[in-house]
Amino acid sequence: MPKKQTYADLGDACATAHAMDVIGDRWSMVIARELLLGPRRFADLASAVVGVTPAVLTSRLKALRDSGVVEQAQLDDLGRTRVYRLTEWGQGLEDVMRSLGHWAQHSPGFPVDGSMTPDGVVVAMRTMAPYATMAEWGDGPVRLAMELHDERRPAAGVRRYRLQWDEDRFELTEGADDEAATTVSGDSSAWADVVFAGSPIGSMAVAGDQRAVERVAAAYSAIA
């Protein structure tokens, strides 16, 4: 099979064209999305990137490594687990995803049905965050723990995240938060519907102050 020509091969020196050479293939941006929150094993990516085959995933990871977006590393654990992670340059894709997400929200063909992985909905929350102060939605900061699973992939288990949102800070990262006053748990797609589509919070289990969850949902519902 002949080598696929890039825009650069065709003499196009445009930076946007080069960006499409790097991340324009199907699955590449989705793989990068799943790496935004931290390193992942090949098996983690194969499970999270719904629909990708092992062969295609291997090919896309190689291409992303060759272009400097992704690198391999070993975790400091007993098994010396091999993982993939974004390079420092690759981490800049979060800003790209933020712009693409806002642009895509106005697409006449935006899909109204579908599902999202736990990491997918959390990355969407980060990239689509209104960055308004929580004072606009009630008194005091919000500290929320999220425990999300994907009903399509029960074997993947529960993923945990922590959100801290106050007057001058928005932080949404991976990991448990044992000191959070409120914990919301349930299916990741149901949580996406609460946050982005205004669905009832009753689809999720809430332990603690339900008002904190309502305030977060209200802030996202105000995104134009």
N, C-alpha and C. Protein backbone atom coordinates (compact mmCIF):
# COMPACT_ATOMS: atom_id res chain seq x y z
N MET A 1 0.85 -1.19 0.00
CA MET A 1 0.00 0.00 0.00
C MET A 1 0.89 1.25 0.00
N PRO A 2 0.64 2.18 -0.94
CA PRO A 2 1.48 3.38 -0.98
C PRO A 2 1.29 4.23 0.27
N LYS A 3 2.37 4.93 0.64
CA LYS A 3 2.32 5.80 1.82
C LYS A 3 1.34 6.94 1.58
N LYS A 4 0.51 7.19 2.59
CA LYS A 4 -0.45 8.29 2.49
C LYS A 4 0.29 9.62 2.49
N GLN A 5 -0.01 10.45 1.51
CA GLN A 5 0.64 11.75 1.43
C GLN A 5 0.05 12.72 2.46
N THR A 6 0.92 13.47 3.10
CA THR A 6 0.49 14.49 4.03
C THR A 6 0.31 15.80 3.27
N TYR A 7 -0.30 16.78 3.95
CA TYR A 7 -0.39 18.10 3.35
C TYR A 7 1.00 18.67 3.11
N ALA A 8 1.93 18.38 4.01
CA ALA A 8 3.31 18.84 3.83
C ALA A 8 3.92 18.22 2.58
N ASP A 9 3.66 16.93 2.35
CA ASP A 9 4.16 16.27 1.13
C ASP A 9 3.65 16.97 -0.12
N LEU A 10 2.45 17.52 -0.02
CA LEU A 10 1.83 18.20 -1.16
C LEU A 10 2.24 19.66 -1.27
N GLY A 11 3.13 20.08 -0.37
CA GLY A 11 3.66 21.44 -0.44
C GLY A 11 2.87 22.48 0.31
N ASP A 12 1.92 22.06 1.17
CA ASP A 12 1.11 23.00 1.94
C ASP A 12 1.82 23.28 3.26
N ALA A 13 2.27 24.52 3.46
CA ALA A 13 3.01 24.89 4.67
C ALA A 13 2.12 25.51 5.74
N CYS A 14 0.81 25.45 5.58
CA CYS A 14 -0.12 26.03 6.55
C CYS A 14 -0.04 25.27 7.87
N ALA A 15 -0.03 25.99 8.99
CA ALA A 15 0.05 25.35 10.30
C ALA A 15 -1.20 24.52 10.59
N THR A 16 -2.37 25.00 10.16
CA THR A 16 -3.59 24.23 10.37
C THR A 16 -3.56 22.93 9.58
N ALA A 17 -3.03 22.98 8.39
CA ALA A 17 -2.89 21.76 7.58
C ALA A 17 -1.96 20.78 8.28
N HIS A 18 -0.87 21.29 8.86
CA HIS A 18 0.04 20.40 9.59
C HIS A 18 -0.66 19.78 10.80
N ALA A 19 -1.48 20.57 11.49
CA ALA A 19 -2.23 20.04 12.62
C ALA A 19 -3.12 18.89 12.19
N MET A 20 -3.74 19.01 11.02
CA MET A 20 -4.58 17.93 10.52
C MET A 20 -3.76 16.70 10.16
N ASP A 21 -2.54 16.91 9.69
CA ASP A 21 -1.64 15.77 9.45
C ASP A 21 -1.36 15.03 10.76
N VAL A 22 -1.26 15.77 11.85
CA VAL A 22 -0.89 15.17 13.14
C VAL A 22 -2.07 14.50 13.81
N ILE A 23 -3.23 15.15 13.83
CA ILE A 23 -4.37 14.64 14.61
C ILE A 23 -5.64 14.46 13.79
N GLY A 24 -5.54 14.55 12.48
CA GLY A 24 -6.73 14.53 11.65
C GLY A 24 -7.30 13.16 11.36
N ASP A 25 -6.51 12.10 11.58
CA ASP A 25 -7.03 10.76 11.33
C ASP A 25 -8.11 10.41 12.35
N ARG A 26 -9.06 9.59 11.93
CA ARG A 26 -10.11 9.14 12.85
C ARG A 26 -9.48 8.44 14.05
N TRP A 27 -10.00 8.72 15.22
CA TRP A 27 -9.61 8.18 16.52
C TRP A 27 -8.51 8.98 17.20
N SER A 28 -7.70 9.73 16.47
CA SER A 28 -6.54 10.38 17.09
C SER A 28 -6.94 11.34 18.20
N MET A 29 -7.93 12.20 17.93
CA MET A 29 -8.35 13.16 18.95
C MET A 29 -9.05 12.48 20.12
N VAL A 30 -9.76 11.39 19.82
CA VAL A 30 -10.44 10.67 20.89
C VAL A 30 -9.41 10.00 21.80
N ILE A 31 -8.37 9.45 21.21
CA ILE A 31 -7.28 8.88 22.01
C ILE A 31 -6.65 9.96 22.88
N ALA A 32 -6.37 11.11 22.28
CA ALA A 32 -5.79 12.22 23.05
C ALA A 32 -6.72 12.66 24.17
N ARG A 33 -8.02 12.68 23.89
CA ARG A 33 -9.00 13.04 24.93
C ARG A 33 -8.90 12.11 26.13
N GLU A 34 -8.78 10.81 25.87
CA GLU A 34 -8.71 9.84 26.95
C GLU A 34 -7.40 9.92 27.73
N LEU A 35 -6.39 10.62 27.18
CA LEU A 35 -5.11 10.77 27.87
C LEU A 35 -4.97 12.10 28.59
N LEU A 36 -5.94 12.98 28.42
CA LEU A 36 -5.82 14.31 29.03
C LEU A 36 -5.77 14.27 30.55
N LEU A 37 -6.42 13.29 31.14
CA LEU A 37 -6.48 13.24 32.60
C LEU A 37 -5.32 12.46 33.22
N GLY A 38 -4.51 11.82 32.38
CA GLY A 38 -3.37 11.09 32.92
C GLY A 38 -3.00 9.89 32.07
N PRO A 39 -1.93 9.19 32.44
CA PRO A 39 -1.46 8.03 31.66
C PRO A 39 -2.49 6.91 31.65
N ARG A 40 -2.49 6.14 30.55
CA ARG A 40 -3.39 5.01 30.41
C ARG A 40 -2.65 3.83 29.78
N ARG A 41 -3.01 2.62 30.22
CA ARG A 41 -2.49 1.42 29.58
C ARG A 41 -3.17 1.23 28.22
N PHE A 42 -2.55 0.41 27.38
CA PHE A 42 -3.15 0.09 26.09
C PHE A 42 -4.55 -0.49 26.30
N ALA A 43 -4.69 -1.39 27.27
CA ALA A 43 -5.99 -2.01 27.53
C ALA A 43 -7.02 -0.98 27.96
N ASP A 44 -6.61 0.04 28.73
CA ASP A 44 -7.53 1.10 29.14
C ASP A 44 -8.05 1.85 27.92
N LEU A 45 -7.14 2.18 27.01
CA LEU A 45 -7.53 2.91 25.81
C LEU A 45 -8.41 2.06 24.91
N ALA A 46 -8.07 0.77 24.77
CA ALA A 46 -8.86 -0.12 23.93
C ALA A 46 -10.29 -0.21 24.44
N SER A 47 -10.46 -0.14 25.74
CA SER A 47 -11.80 -0.21 26.34
C SER A 47 -12.54 1.11 26.22
N ALA A 48 -11.82 2.23 26.41
CA ALA A 48 -12.46 3.54 26.46
C ALA A 48 -12.79 4.09 25.08
N VAL A 49 -11.95 3.83 24.10
CA VAL A 49 -12.20 4.35 22.75
C VAL A 49 -13.12 3.36 22.05
N VAL A 50 -14.40 3.55 22.27
CA VAL A 50 -15.40 2.58 21.84
C VAL A 50 -15.42 2.47 20.31
N GLY A 51 -15.22 1.25 19.82
CA GLY A 51 -15.29 1.00 18.38
C GLY A 51 -13.96 0.82 17.70
N VAL A 52 -12.86 1.23 18.34
CA VAL A 52 -11.56 1.10 17.73
C VAL A 52 -11.08 -0.35 17.85
N THR A 53 -10.39 -0.85 16.81
CA THR A 53 -9.82 -2.19 16.86
C THR A 53 -8.41 -2.11 17.43
N PRO A 54 -7.90 -3.20 18.00
CA PRO A 54 -6.52 -3.18 18.53
C PRO A 54 -5.50 -2.77 17.48
N ALA A 55 -5.69 -3.23 16.24
CA ALA A 55 -4.73 -2.90 15.18
C ALA A 55 -4.73 -1.41 14.87
N VAL A 56 -5.93 -0.83 14.78
CA VAL A 56 -6.03 0.60 14.49
C VAL A 56 -5.50 1.42 15.66
N LEU A 57 -5.80 0.99 16.88
CA LEU A 57 -5.30 1.71 18.06
C LEU A 57 -3.78 1.69 18.08
N THR A 58 -3.20 0.54 17.78
CA THR A 58 -1.74 0.44 17.72
C THR A 58 -1.18 1.39 16.68
N SER A 59 -1.83 1.44 15.51
CA SER A 59 -1.37 2.32 14.43
C SER A 59 -1.48 3.78 14.82
N ARG A 60 -2.60 4.17 15.43
CA ARG A 60 -2.78 5.57 15.80
C ARG A 60 -1.81 5.99 16.91
N LEU A 61 -1.59 5.11 17.88
CA LEU A 61 -0.63 5.43 18.94
C LEU A 61 0.78 5.59 18.38
N LYS A 62 1.15 4.75 17.43
CA LYS A 62 2.47 4.89 16.81
C LYS A 62 2.59 6.22 16.09
N ALA A 63 1.54 6.59 15.35
CA ALA A 63 1.56 7.86 14.62
C ALA A 63 1.65 9.04 15.59
N LEU A 64 0.90 8.97 16.69
CA LEU A 64 0.92 10.05 17.67
C LEU A 64 2.27 10.13 18.39
N ARG A 65 2.90 8.98 18.59
CA ARG A 65 4.25 8.98 19.17
C ARG A 65 5.24 9.57 18.19
N ASP A 66 5.16 9.16 16.93
CA ASP A 66 6.10 9.65 15.92
C ASP A 66 6.00 11.16 15.74
N SER A 67 4.79 11.70 15.93
CA SER A 67 4.58 13.15 15.74
C SER A 67 4.86 13.96 17.00
N GLY A 68 5.13 13.27 18.13
CA GLY A 68 5.48 13.98 19.35
C GLY A 68 4.31 14.34 20.24
N VAL A 69 3.12 13.79 19.96
CA VAL A 69 1.94 14.08 20.78
C VAL A 69 1.89 13.17 22.00
N VAL A 70 2.27 11.92 21.82
CA VAL A 70 2.17 10.88 22.85
C VAL A 70 3.54 10.26 23.07
N GLU A 71 3.77 9.80 24.29
CA GLU A 71 5.00 9.07 24.60
C GLU A 71 4.65 7.88 25.50
N GLN A 72 5.54 6.92 25.53
CA GLN A 72 5.38 5.78 26.43
C GLN A 72 6.19 6.00 27.69
N ALA A 73 5.72 5.42 28.78
CA ALA A 73 6.42 5.53 30.07
C ALA A 73 6.13 4.28 30.88
N GLN A 74 6.84 4.14 31.99
CA GLN A 74 6.60 3.06 32.94
C GLN A 74 6.18 3.65 34.27
N LEU A 75 5.11 3.10 34.84
CA LEU A 75 4.68 3.55 36.15
C LEU A 75 5.62 2.98 37.22
N ASP A 76 5.72 3.68 38.31
CA ASP A 76 6.58 3.25 39.41
C ASP A 76 5.79 2.31 40.32
N ASP A 77 5.40 1.16 39.78
CA ASP A 77 4.67 0.17 40.56
C ASP A 77 5.40 -1.17 40.47
N LEU A 78 4.89 -2.15 41.16
CA LEU A 78 5.57 -3.45 41.20
C LEU A 78 5.64 -4.09 39.81
N GLY A 79 4.61 -3.87 39.01
CA GLY A 79 4.59 -4.47 37.69
C GLY A 79 5.29 -3.66 36.63
N ARG A 80 5.81 -2.47 37.01
CA ARG A 80 6.44 -1.57 36.04
C ARG A 80 5.53 -1.43 34.81
N THR A 81 4.28 -1.08 35.08
CA THR A 81 3.26 -1.02 34.05
C THR A 81 3.63 -0.02 32.96
N ARG A 82 3.53 -0.47 31.72
CA ARG A 82 3.79 0.41 30.57
C ARG A 82 2.52 1.17 30.23
N VAL A 83 2.64 2.47 30.07
CA VAL A 83 1.49 3.32 29.79
C VAL A 83 1.81 4.29 28.67
N TYR A 84 0.75 4.90 28.17
CA TYR A 84 0.87 6.00 27.21
C TYR A 84 0.43 7.28 27.92
N ARG A 85 1.09 8.37 27.56
CA ARG A 85 0.71 9.66 28.13
C ARG A 85 0.99 10.76 27.11
N LEU A 86 0.32 11.88 27.28
CA LEU A 86 0.57 13.03 26.42
C LEU A 86 1.91 13.66 26.77
N THR A 87 2.62 14.11 25.75
CA THR A 87 3.82 14.91 25.98
C THR A 87 3.41 16.31 26.44
N GLU A 88 4.38 17.10 26.84
CA GLU A 88 4.06 18.48 27.24
C GLU A 88 3.39 19.21 26.09
N TRP A 89 3.87 19.00 24.88
CA TRP A 89 3.25 19.64 23.72
C TRP A 89 1.85 19.06 23.49
N GLY A 90 1.70 17.75 23.64
CA GLY A 90 0.41 17.12 23.43
C GLY A 90 -0.65 17.61 24.39
N GLN A 91 -0.25 18.00 25.61
CA GLN A 91 -1.21 18.50 26.59
C GLN A 91 -1.88 19.79 26.13
N GLY A 92 -1.24 20.48 25.21
CA GLY A 92 -1.85 21.70 24.67
C GLY A 92 -3.11 21.44 23.87
N LEU A 93 -3.38 20.16 23.56
CA LEU A 93 -4.61 19.84 22.84
C LEU A 93 -5.86 20.15 23.65
N GLU A 94 -5.73 20.31 24.97
CA GLU A 94 -6.92 20.65 25.75
C GLU A 94 -7.50 21.99 25.30
N ASP A 95 -6.64 22.95 24.97
CA ASP A 95 -7.14 24.22 24.47
C ASP A 95 -7.81 24.05 23.11
N VAL A 96 -7.25 23.17 22.28
CA VAL A 96 -7.85 22.89 20.98
C VAL A 96 -9.22 22.27 21.17
N MET A 97 -9.33 21.31 22.08
CA MET A 97 -10.60 20.65 22.34
C MET A 97 -11.63 21.63 22.89
N ARG A 98 -11.17 22.58 23.69
CA ARG A 98 -12.10 23.59 24.23
C ARG A 98 -12.72 24.38 23.08
N SER A 99 -11.89 24.83 22.15
CA SER A 99 -12.41 25.60 21.02
C SER A 99 -13.28 24.75 20.11
N LEU A 100 -12.85 23.52 19.83
CA LEU A 100 -13.64 22.64 18.98
C LEU A 100 -14.98 22.32 19.62
N GLY A 101 -14.97 22.10 20.95
CA GLY A 101 -16.21 21.78 21.63
C GLY A 101 -17.23 22.90 21.54
N HIS A 102 -16.77 24.14 21.77
CA HIS A 102 -17.68 25.28 21.68
C HIS A 102 -18.20 25.43 20.25
N TRP A 103 -17.32 25.23 19.28
CA TRP A 103 -17.73 25.33 17.87
C TRP A 103 -18.75 24.25 17.53
N ALA A 104 -18.49 23.01 17.98
CA ALA A 104 -19.36 21.88 17.64
C ALA A 104 -20.74 21.99 18.28
N GLN A 105 -20.85 22.71 19.41
CA GLN A 105 -22.15 22.85 20.07
C GLN A 105 -23.18 23.48 19.15
N HIS A 106 -22.75 24.24 18.16
CA HIS A 106 -23.68 24.93 17.26
C HIS A 106 -23.84 24.21 15.93
N SER A 107 -23.33 22.99 15.84
CA SER A 107 -23.45 22.21 14.60
C SER A 107 -24.90 21.83 14.34
N PRO A 108 -25.40 22.01 13.11
CA PRO A 108 -26.77 21.59 12.80
C PRO A 108 -26.93 20.07 12.86
N GLY A 109 -25.82 19.35 12.83
CA GLY A 109 -25.89 17.90 12.90
C GLY A 109 -25.40 17.33 14.21
N PHE A 110 -25.39 18.16 15.26
CA PHE A 110 -24.87 17.70 16.56
C PHE A 110 -25.70 16.51 17.06
N PRO A 111 -25.07 15.39 17.43
CA PRO A 111 -25.83 14.21 17.85
C PRO A 111 -26.53 14.42 19.18
N VAL A 112 -27.82 14.16 19.20
CA VAL A 112 -28.58 14.34 20.44
C VAL A 112 -28.62 13.07 21.26
N ASP A 113 -28.32 11.95 20.62
CA ASP A 113 -28.27 10.67 21.33
C ASP A 113 -26.84 10.16 21.35
N GLY A 114 -26.56 9.29 22.27
CA GLY A 114 -25.23 8.72 22.35
C GLY A 114 -24.79 8.62 23.79
N SER A 115 -23.59 8.08 23.97
CA SER A 115 -23.06 7.85 25.30
C SER A 115 -21.68 8.46 25.44
N MET A 116 -21.24 8.62 26.68
CA MET A 116 -19.92 9.18 26.94
C MET A 116 -19.23 8.35 28.02
N THR A 117 -17.93 8.17 27.86
CA THR A 117 -17.15 7.49 28.88
C THR A 117 -16.97 8.41 30.09
N PRO A 118 -16.60 7.87 31.25
CA PRO A 118 -16.34 8.75 32.39
C PRO A 118 -15.29 9.82 32.09
N ASP A 119 -14.15 9.42 31.52
CA ASP A 119 -13.13 10.42 31.18
C ASP A 119 -13.65 11.39 30.14
N GLY A 120 -14.45 10.89 29.20
CA GLY A 120 -14.97 11.77 28.15
C GLY A 120 -15.83 12.88 28.71
N VAL A 121 -16.74 12.55 29.63
CA VAL A 121 -17.62 13.59 30.17
C VAL A 121 -16.83 14.55 31.07
N VAL A 122 -15.83 14.05 31.79
CA VAL A 122 -15.04 14.93 32.64
C VAL A 122 -14.18 15.87 31.80
N VAL A 123 -13.59 15.36 30.72
CA VAL A 123 -12.84 16.24 29.83
C VAL A 123 -13.78 17.28 29.22
N ALA A 124 -14.99 16.86 28.84
CA ALA A 124 -15.97 17.82 28.31
C ALA A 124 -16.30 18.89 29.34
N MET A 125 -16.43 18.50 30.60
CA MET A 125 -16.70 19.48 31.65
C MET A 125 -15.54 20.47 31.77
N ARG A 126 -14.32 19.97 31.64
CA ARG A 126 -13.17 20.87 31.72
C ARG A 126 -13.11 21.81 30.53
N THR A 127 -13.33 21.27 29.34
CA THR A 127 -13.20 22.11 28.15
C THR A 127 -14.39 23.03 27.94
N MET A 128 -15.57 22.64 28.48
CA MET A 128 -16.76 23.47 28.29
C MET A 128 -17.10 24.30 29.52
N ALA A 129 -16.27 24.26 30.54
CA ALA A 129 -16.56 24.99 31.78
C ALA A 129 -16.76 26.47 31.50
N PRO A 130 -17.81 27.06 32.05
CA PRO A 130 -18.05 28.49 31.84
C PRO A 130 -17.07 29.38 32.58
N TYR A 131 -16.37 28.81 33.58
CA TYR A 131 -15.41 29.57 34.38
C TYR A 131 -16.03 30.81 35.02
N ALA A 132 -17.32 30.73 35.28
CA ALA A 132 -17.96 31.78 36.08
C ALA A 132 -17.72 31.46 37.55
N THR A 133 -17.79 32.47 38.39
CA THR A 133 -17.62 32.21 39.82
C THR A 133 -18.87 31.54 40.36
N MET A 134 -18.68 30.69 41.34
CA MET A 134 -19.81 30.00 41.93
C MET A 134 -20.77 30.95 42.64
N ALA A 135 -20.31 32.17 42.91
CA ALA A 135 -21.18 33.15 43.56
C ALA A 135 -22.42 33.45 42.71
N GLU A 136 -22.31 33.23 41.41
CA GLU A 136 -23.44 33.49 40.53
C GLU A 136 -24.54 32.45 40.70
N TRP A 137 -24.20 31.33 41.33
CA TRP A 137 -25.16 30.22 41.44
C TRP A 137 -25.44 29.86 42.90
N GLY A 138 -25.06 30.72 43.82
CA GLY A 138 -25.31 30.46 45.22
C GLY A 138 -24.10 30.80 46.07
N ASP A 139 -24.27 30.74 47.36
CA ASP A 139 -23.21 31.14 48.28
C ASP A 139 -22.18 30.03 48.47
N GLY A 140 -20.91 30.44 48.55
CA GLY A 140 -19.84 29.53 48.91
C GLY A 140 -19.30 28.71 47.75
N PRO A 141 -18.12 28.13 47.94
CA PRO A 141 -17.50 27.29 46.92
C PRO A 141 -18.18 25.93 46.83
N VAL A 142 -17.90 25.23 45.74
CA VAL A 142 -18.39 23.87 45.55
C VAL A 142 -17.19 22.92 45.57
N ARG A 143 -17.31 21.87 46.35
CA ARG A 143 -16.32 20.79 46.35
C ARG A 143 -17.09 19.50 46.17
N LEU A 144 -16.92 18.89 45.01
CA LEU A 144 -17.75 17.77 44.61
C LEU A 144 -16.89 16.59 44.20
N ALA A 145 -17.21 15.41 44.75
CA ALA A 145 -16.58 14.16 44.32
C ALA A 145 -17.52 13.48 43.34
N MET A 146 -16.95 12.92 42.27
CA MET A 146 -17.74 12.22 41.27
C MET A 146 -17.23 10.79 41.13
N GLU A 147 -18.14 9.84 41.17
CA GLU A 147 -17.81 8.43 40.98
C GLU A 147 -18.64 7.93 39.81
N LEU A 148 -18.00 7.76 38.66
CA LEU A 148 -18.72 7.48 37.42
C LEU A 148 -18.32 6.13 36.83
N HIS A 149 -19.29 5.45 36.26
CA HIS A 149 -19.03 4.22 35.53
C HIS A 149 -19.76 4.30 34.19
N ASP A 150 -19.36 3.43 33.28
CA ASP A 150 -19.97 3.38 31.96
C ASP A 150 -20.79 2.10 31.88
N GLU A 151 -22.11 2.24 31.80
CA GLU A 151 -22.98 1.07 31.80
C GLU A 151 -22.72 0.16 30.61
N ARG A 152 -22.11 0.69 29.55
CA ARG A 152 -21.80 -0.15 28.38
C ARG A 152 -20.61 -1.05 28.66
N ARG A 153 -19.79 -0.67 29.64
CA ARG A 153 -18.55 -1.40 29.91
C ARG A 153 -18.42 -1.64 31.42
N PRO A 154 -19.26 -2.49 31.98
CA PRO A 154 -19.23 -2.69 33.43
C PRO A 154 -17.90 -3.19 33.95
N ALA A 155 -17.15 -3.93 33.12
CA ALA A 155 -15.87 -4.47 33.57
C ALA A 155 -14.84 -3.37 33.81
N ALA A 156 -15.08 -2.19 33.24
CA ALA A 156 -14.12 -1.09 33.40
C ALA A 156 -14.14 -0.50 34.81
N GLY A 157 -15.22 -0.76 35.56
CA GLY A 157 -15.29 -0.30 36.94
C GLY A 157 -15.61 1.18 37.07
N VAL A 158 -15.39 1.71 38.26
CA VAL A 158 -15.73 3.09 38.60
C VAL A 158 -14.48 3.96 38.53
N ARG A 159 -14.64 5.14 37.96
CA ARG A 159 -13.55 6.12 37.94
C ARG A 159 -13.95 7.30 38.84
N ARG A 160 -12.98 7.85 39.54
CA ARG A 160 -13.25 8.89 40.53
C ARG A 160 -12.58 10.21 40.14
N TYR A 161 -13.27 11.29 40.43
CA TYR A 161 -12.81 12.63 40.07
C TYR A 161 -13.16 13.60 41.19
N ARG A 162 -12.47 14.74 41.22
CA ARG A 162 -12.74 15.77 42.23
C ARG A 162 -12.85 17.13 41.55
N LEU A 163 -13.87 17.86 41.94
CA LEU A 163 -14.14 19.20 41.41
C LEU A 163 -14.10 20.19 42.55
N GLN A 164 -13.30 21.25 42.38
CA GLN A 164 -13.30 22.38 43.31
C GLN A 164 -13.51 23.65 42.51
N TRP A 165 -14.55 24.39 42.86
CA TRP A 165 -14.97 25.55 42.08
C TRP A 165 -15.36 26.65 43.05
N ASP A 166 -14.61 27.75 43.02
CA ASP A 166 -14.93 28.85 43.92
C ASP A 166 -14.71 30.17 43.20
N GLU A 167 -14.47 31.22 43.98
CA GLU A 167 -14.41 32.57 43.40
C GLU A 167 -13.35 32.71 42.31
N ASP A 168 -12.19 32.10 42.51
CA ASP A 168 -11.09 32.31 41.58
C ASP A 168 -10.42 31.03 41.13
N ARG A 169 -11.11 29.90 41.26
CA ARG A 169 -10.47 28.64 40.89
C ARG A 169 -11.49 27.66 40.34
N PHE A 170 -11.10 27.00 39.25
CA PHE A 170 -11.84 25.86 38.72
C PHE A 170 -10.83 24.73 38.54
N GLU A 171 -10.98 23.66 39.31
CA GLU A 171 -10.09 22.50 39.20
C GLU A 171 -10.93 21.24 39.11
N LEU A 172 -10.74 20.49 38.05
CA LEU A 172 -11.43 19.22 37.87
C LEU A 172 -10.39 18.20 37.45
N THR A 173 -10.06 17.29 38.35
CA THR A 173 -8.97 16.36 38.12
C THR A 173 -9.40 14.94 38.47
N GLU A 174 -8.56 14.00 38.07
CA GLU A 174 -8.81 12.60 38.37
C GLU A 174 -8.37 12.29 39.79
N GLY A 175 -9.10 11.40 40.46
CA GLY A 175 -8.73 10.97 41.79
C GLY A 175 -9.86 11.12 42.79
N ALA A 176 -9.78 10.35 43.87
CA ALA A 176 -10.80 10.41 44.91
C ALA A 176 -10.64 11.66 45.76
N ASP A 177 -11.73 12.08 46.40
CA ASP A 177 -11.70 13.22 47.31
C ASP A 177 -12.50 12.83 48.56
N ASP A 178 -11.80 12.33 49.56
CA ASP A 178 -12.46 11.87 50.77
C ASP A 178 -12.99 13.00 51.64
N GLU A 179 -12.59 14.24 51.32
CA GLU A 179 -13.01 15.37 52.13
C GLU A 179 -14.14 16.17 51.49
N ALA A 180 -14.60 15.73 50.33
CA ALA A 180 -15.69 16.45 49.66
C ALA A 180 -16.98 16.30 50.45
N ALA A 181 -17.73 17.39 50.54
CA ALA A 181 -18.99 17.36 51.29
C ALA A 181 -20.09 16.67 50.50
N THR A 182 -19.92 16.55 49.18
CA THR A 182 -20.95 15.97 48.34
C THR A 182 -20.32 15.00 47.35
N THR A 183 -20.96 13.85 47.16
CA THR A 183 -20.52 12.88 46.18
C THR A 183 -21.68 12.53 45.27
N VAL A 184 -21.44 12.60 43.96
CA VAL A 184 -22.45 12.20 42.99
C VAL A 184 -21.91 10.96 42.27
N SER A 185 -22.77 9.96 42.11
CA SER A 185 -22.32 8.72 41.48
C SER A 185 -23.38 8.20 40.53
N GLY A 186 -22.92 7.45 39.51
CA GLY A 186 -23.84 6.87 38.55
C GLY A 186 -23.19 6.70 37.19
N ASP A 187 -24.02 6.46 36.19
CA ASP A 187 -23.55 6.25 34.82
C ASP A 187 -23.02 7.55 34.23
N SER A 188 -21.91 7.47 33.53
CA SER A 188 -21.28 8.68 32.99
C SER A 188 -22.16 9.38 31.96
N SER A 189 -22.89 8.64 31.16
CA SER A 189 -23.76 9.27 30.17
C SER A 189 -24.94 9.97 30.83
N ALA A 190 -25.45 9.38 31.91
CA ALA A 190 -26.54 10.03 32.65
C ALA A 190 -26.04 11.33 33.28
N TRP A 191 -24.81 11.34 33.77
CA TRP A 191 -24.23 12.55 34.33
C TRP A 191 -24.05 13.61 33.24
N ALA A 192 -23.63 13.19 32.06
CA ALA A 192 -23.51 14.13 30.94
C ALA A 192 -24.85 14.77 30.63
N ASP A 193 -25.93 13.98 30.69
CA ASP A 193 -27.27 14.53 30.44
C ASP A 193 -27.66 15.56 31.51
N VAL A 194 -27.29 15.31 32.76
CA VAL A 194 -27.58 16.25 33.83
C VAL A 194 -26.83 17.56 33.60
N VAL A 195 -25.55 17.45 33.28
CA VAL A 195 -24.70 18.63 33.17
C VAL A 195 -24.97 19.42 31.89
N PHE A 196 -25.11 18.72 30.77
CA PHE A 196 -25.17 19.41 29.49
C PHE A 196 -26.57 19.50 28.88
N ALA A 197 -27.49 18.65 29.35
CA ALA A 197 -28.82 18.66 28.75
C ALA A 197 -29.93 19.01 29.74
N GLY A 198 -29.55 19.31 30.98
CA GLY A 198 -30.55 19.72 31.95
C GLY A 198 -31.46 18.62 32.43
N SER A 199 -31.02 17.35 32.32
CA SER A 199 -31.85 16.24 32.79
C SER A 199 -31.95 16.27 34.31
N PRO A 200 -33.00 15.64 34.87
CA PRO A 200 -33.18 15.64 36.33
C PRO A 200 -32.00 14.99 37.05
N ILE A 201 -31.64 15.57 38.17
CA ILE A 201 -30.53 15.04 38.97
C ILE A 201 -30.89 13.68 39.56
N GLY A 202 -32.17 13.35 39.59
CA GLY A 202 -32.61 12.09 40.15
C GLY A 202 -32.04 10.87 39.46
N SER A 203 -31.50 11.05 38.26
CA SER A 203 -30.88 9.92 37.56
C SER A 203 -29.55 9.52 38.19
N MET A 204 -29.03 10.36 39.11
CA MET A 204 -27.77 10.09 39.78
C MET A 204 -28.01 9.89 41.28
N ALA A 205 -27.10 9.20 41.93
CA ALA A 205 -27.13 9.07 43.38
C ALA A 205 -26.31 10.20 43.99
N VAL A 206 -26.89 10.92 44.92
CA VAL A 206 -26.20 12.05 45.55
C VAL A 206 -26.11 11.82 47.04
N ALA A 207 -24.89 11.85 47.56
CA ALA A 207 -24.67 11.75 49.00
C ALA A 207 -24.14 13.09 49.49
N GLY A 208 -24.88 13.74 50.37
CA GLY A 208 -24.46 15.05 50.85
C GLY A 208 -25.40 16.14 50.36
N ASP A 209 -24.83 17.30 50.05
CA ASP A 209 -25.60 18.49 49.71
C ASP A 209 -26.00 18.46 48.24
N GLN A 210 -27.26 18.16 47.96
CA GLN A 210 -27.72 18.12 46.57
C GLN A 210 -27.66 19.49 45.92
N ARG A 211 -27.71 20.54 46.73
CA ARG A 211 -27.65 21.90 46.18
C ARG A 211 -26.33 22.12 45.45
N ALA A 212 -25.25 21.49 45.89
CA ALA A 212 -23.97 21.63 45.20
C ALA A 212 -24.05 21.09 43.78
N VAL A 213 -24.72 19.95 43.63
CA VAL A 213 -24.90 19.37 42.30
C VAL A 213 -25.78 20.27 41.44
N GLU A 214 -26.83 20.81 42.02
CA GLU A 214 -27.72 21.70 41.29
C GLU A 214 -26.99 22.95 40.81
N ARG A 215 -26.09 23.47 41.63
CA ARG A 215 -25.34 24.67 41.25
C ARG A 215 -24.40 24.39 40.08
N VAL A 216 -23.74 23.23 40.11
CA VAL A 216 -22.86 22.86 39.01
C VAL A 216 -23.67 22.71 37.71
N ALA A 217 -24.82 22.02 37.80
CA ALA A 217 -25.65 21.84 36.63
C ALA A 217 -26.16 23.17 36.10
N ALA A 218 -26.51 24.09 36.99
CA ALA A 218 -27.00 25.41 36.56
C ALA A 218 -25.93 26.19 35.83
N ALA A 219 -24.69 26.09 36.31
CA ALA A 219 -23.60 26.82 35.68
C ALA A 219 -23.39 26.34 34.24
N TYR A 220 -23.43 25.01 34.04
CA TYR A 220 -23.25 24.49 32.70
C TYR A 220 -24.44 24.77 31.79
N SER A 221 -25.63 24.79 32.36
CA SER A 221 -26.81 25.06 31.55
C SER A 221 -26.81 26.47 30.99
N ALA A 222 -26.00 27.33 31.59
CA ALA A 222 -25.94 28.73 31.13
C ALA A 222 -24.99 28.91 29.97
N ILE A 223 -24.27 27.84 29.57
CA ILE A 223 -23.35 27.94 28.44
C ILE A 223 -24.16 28.16 27.17
N ALA A 224 -23.83 29.18 26.44
CA ALA A 224 -24.56 29.47 25.21
C ALA A 224 -24.18 28.50 24.11
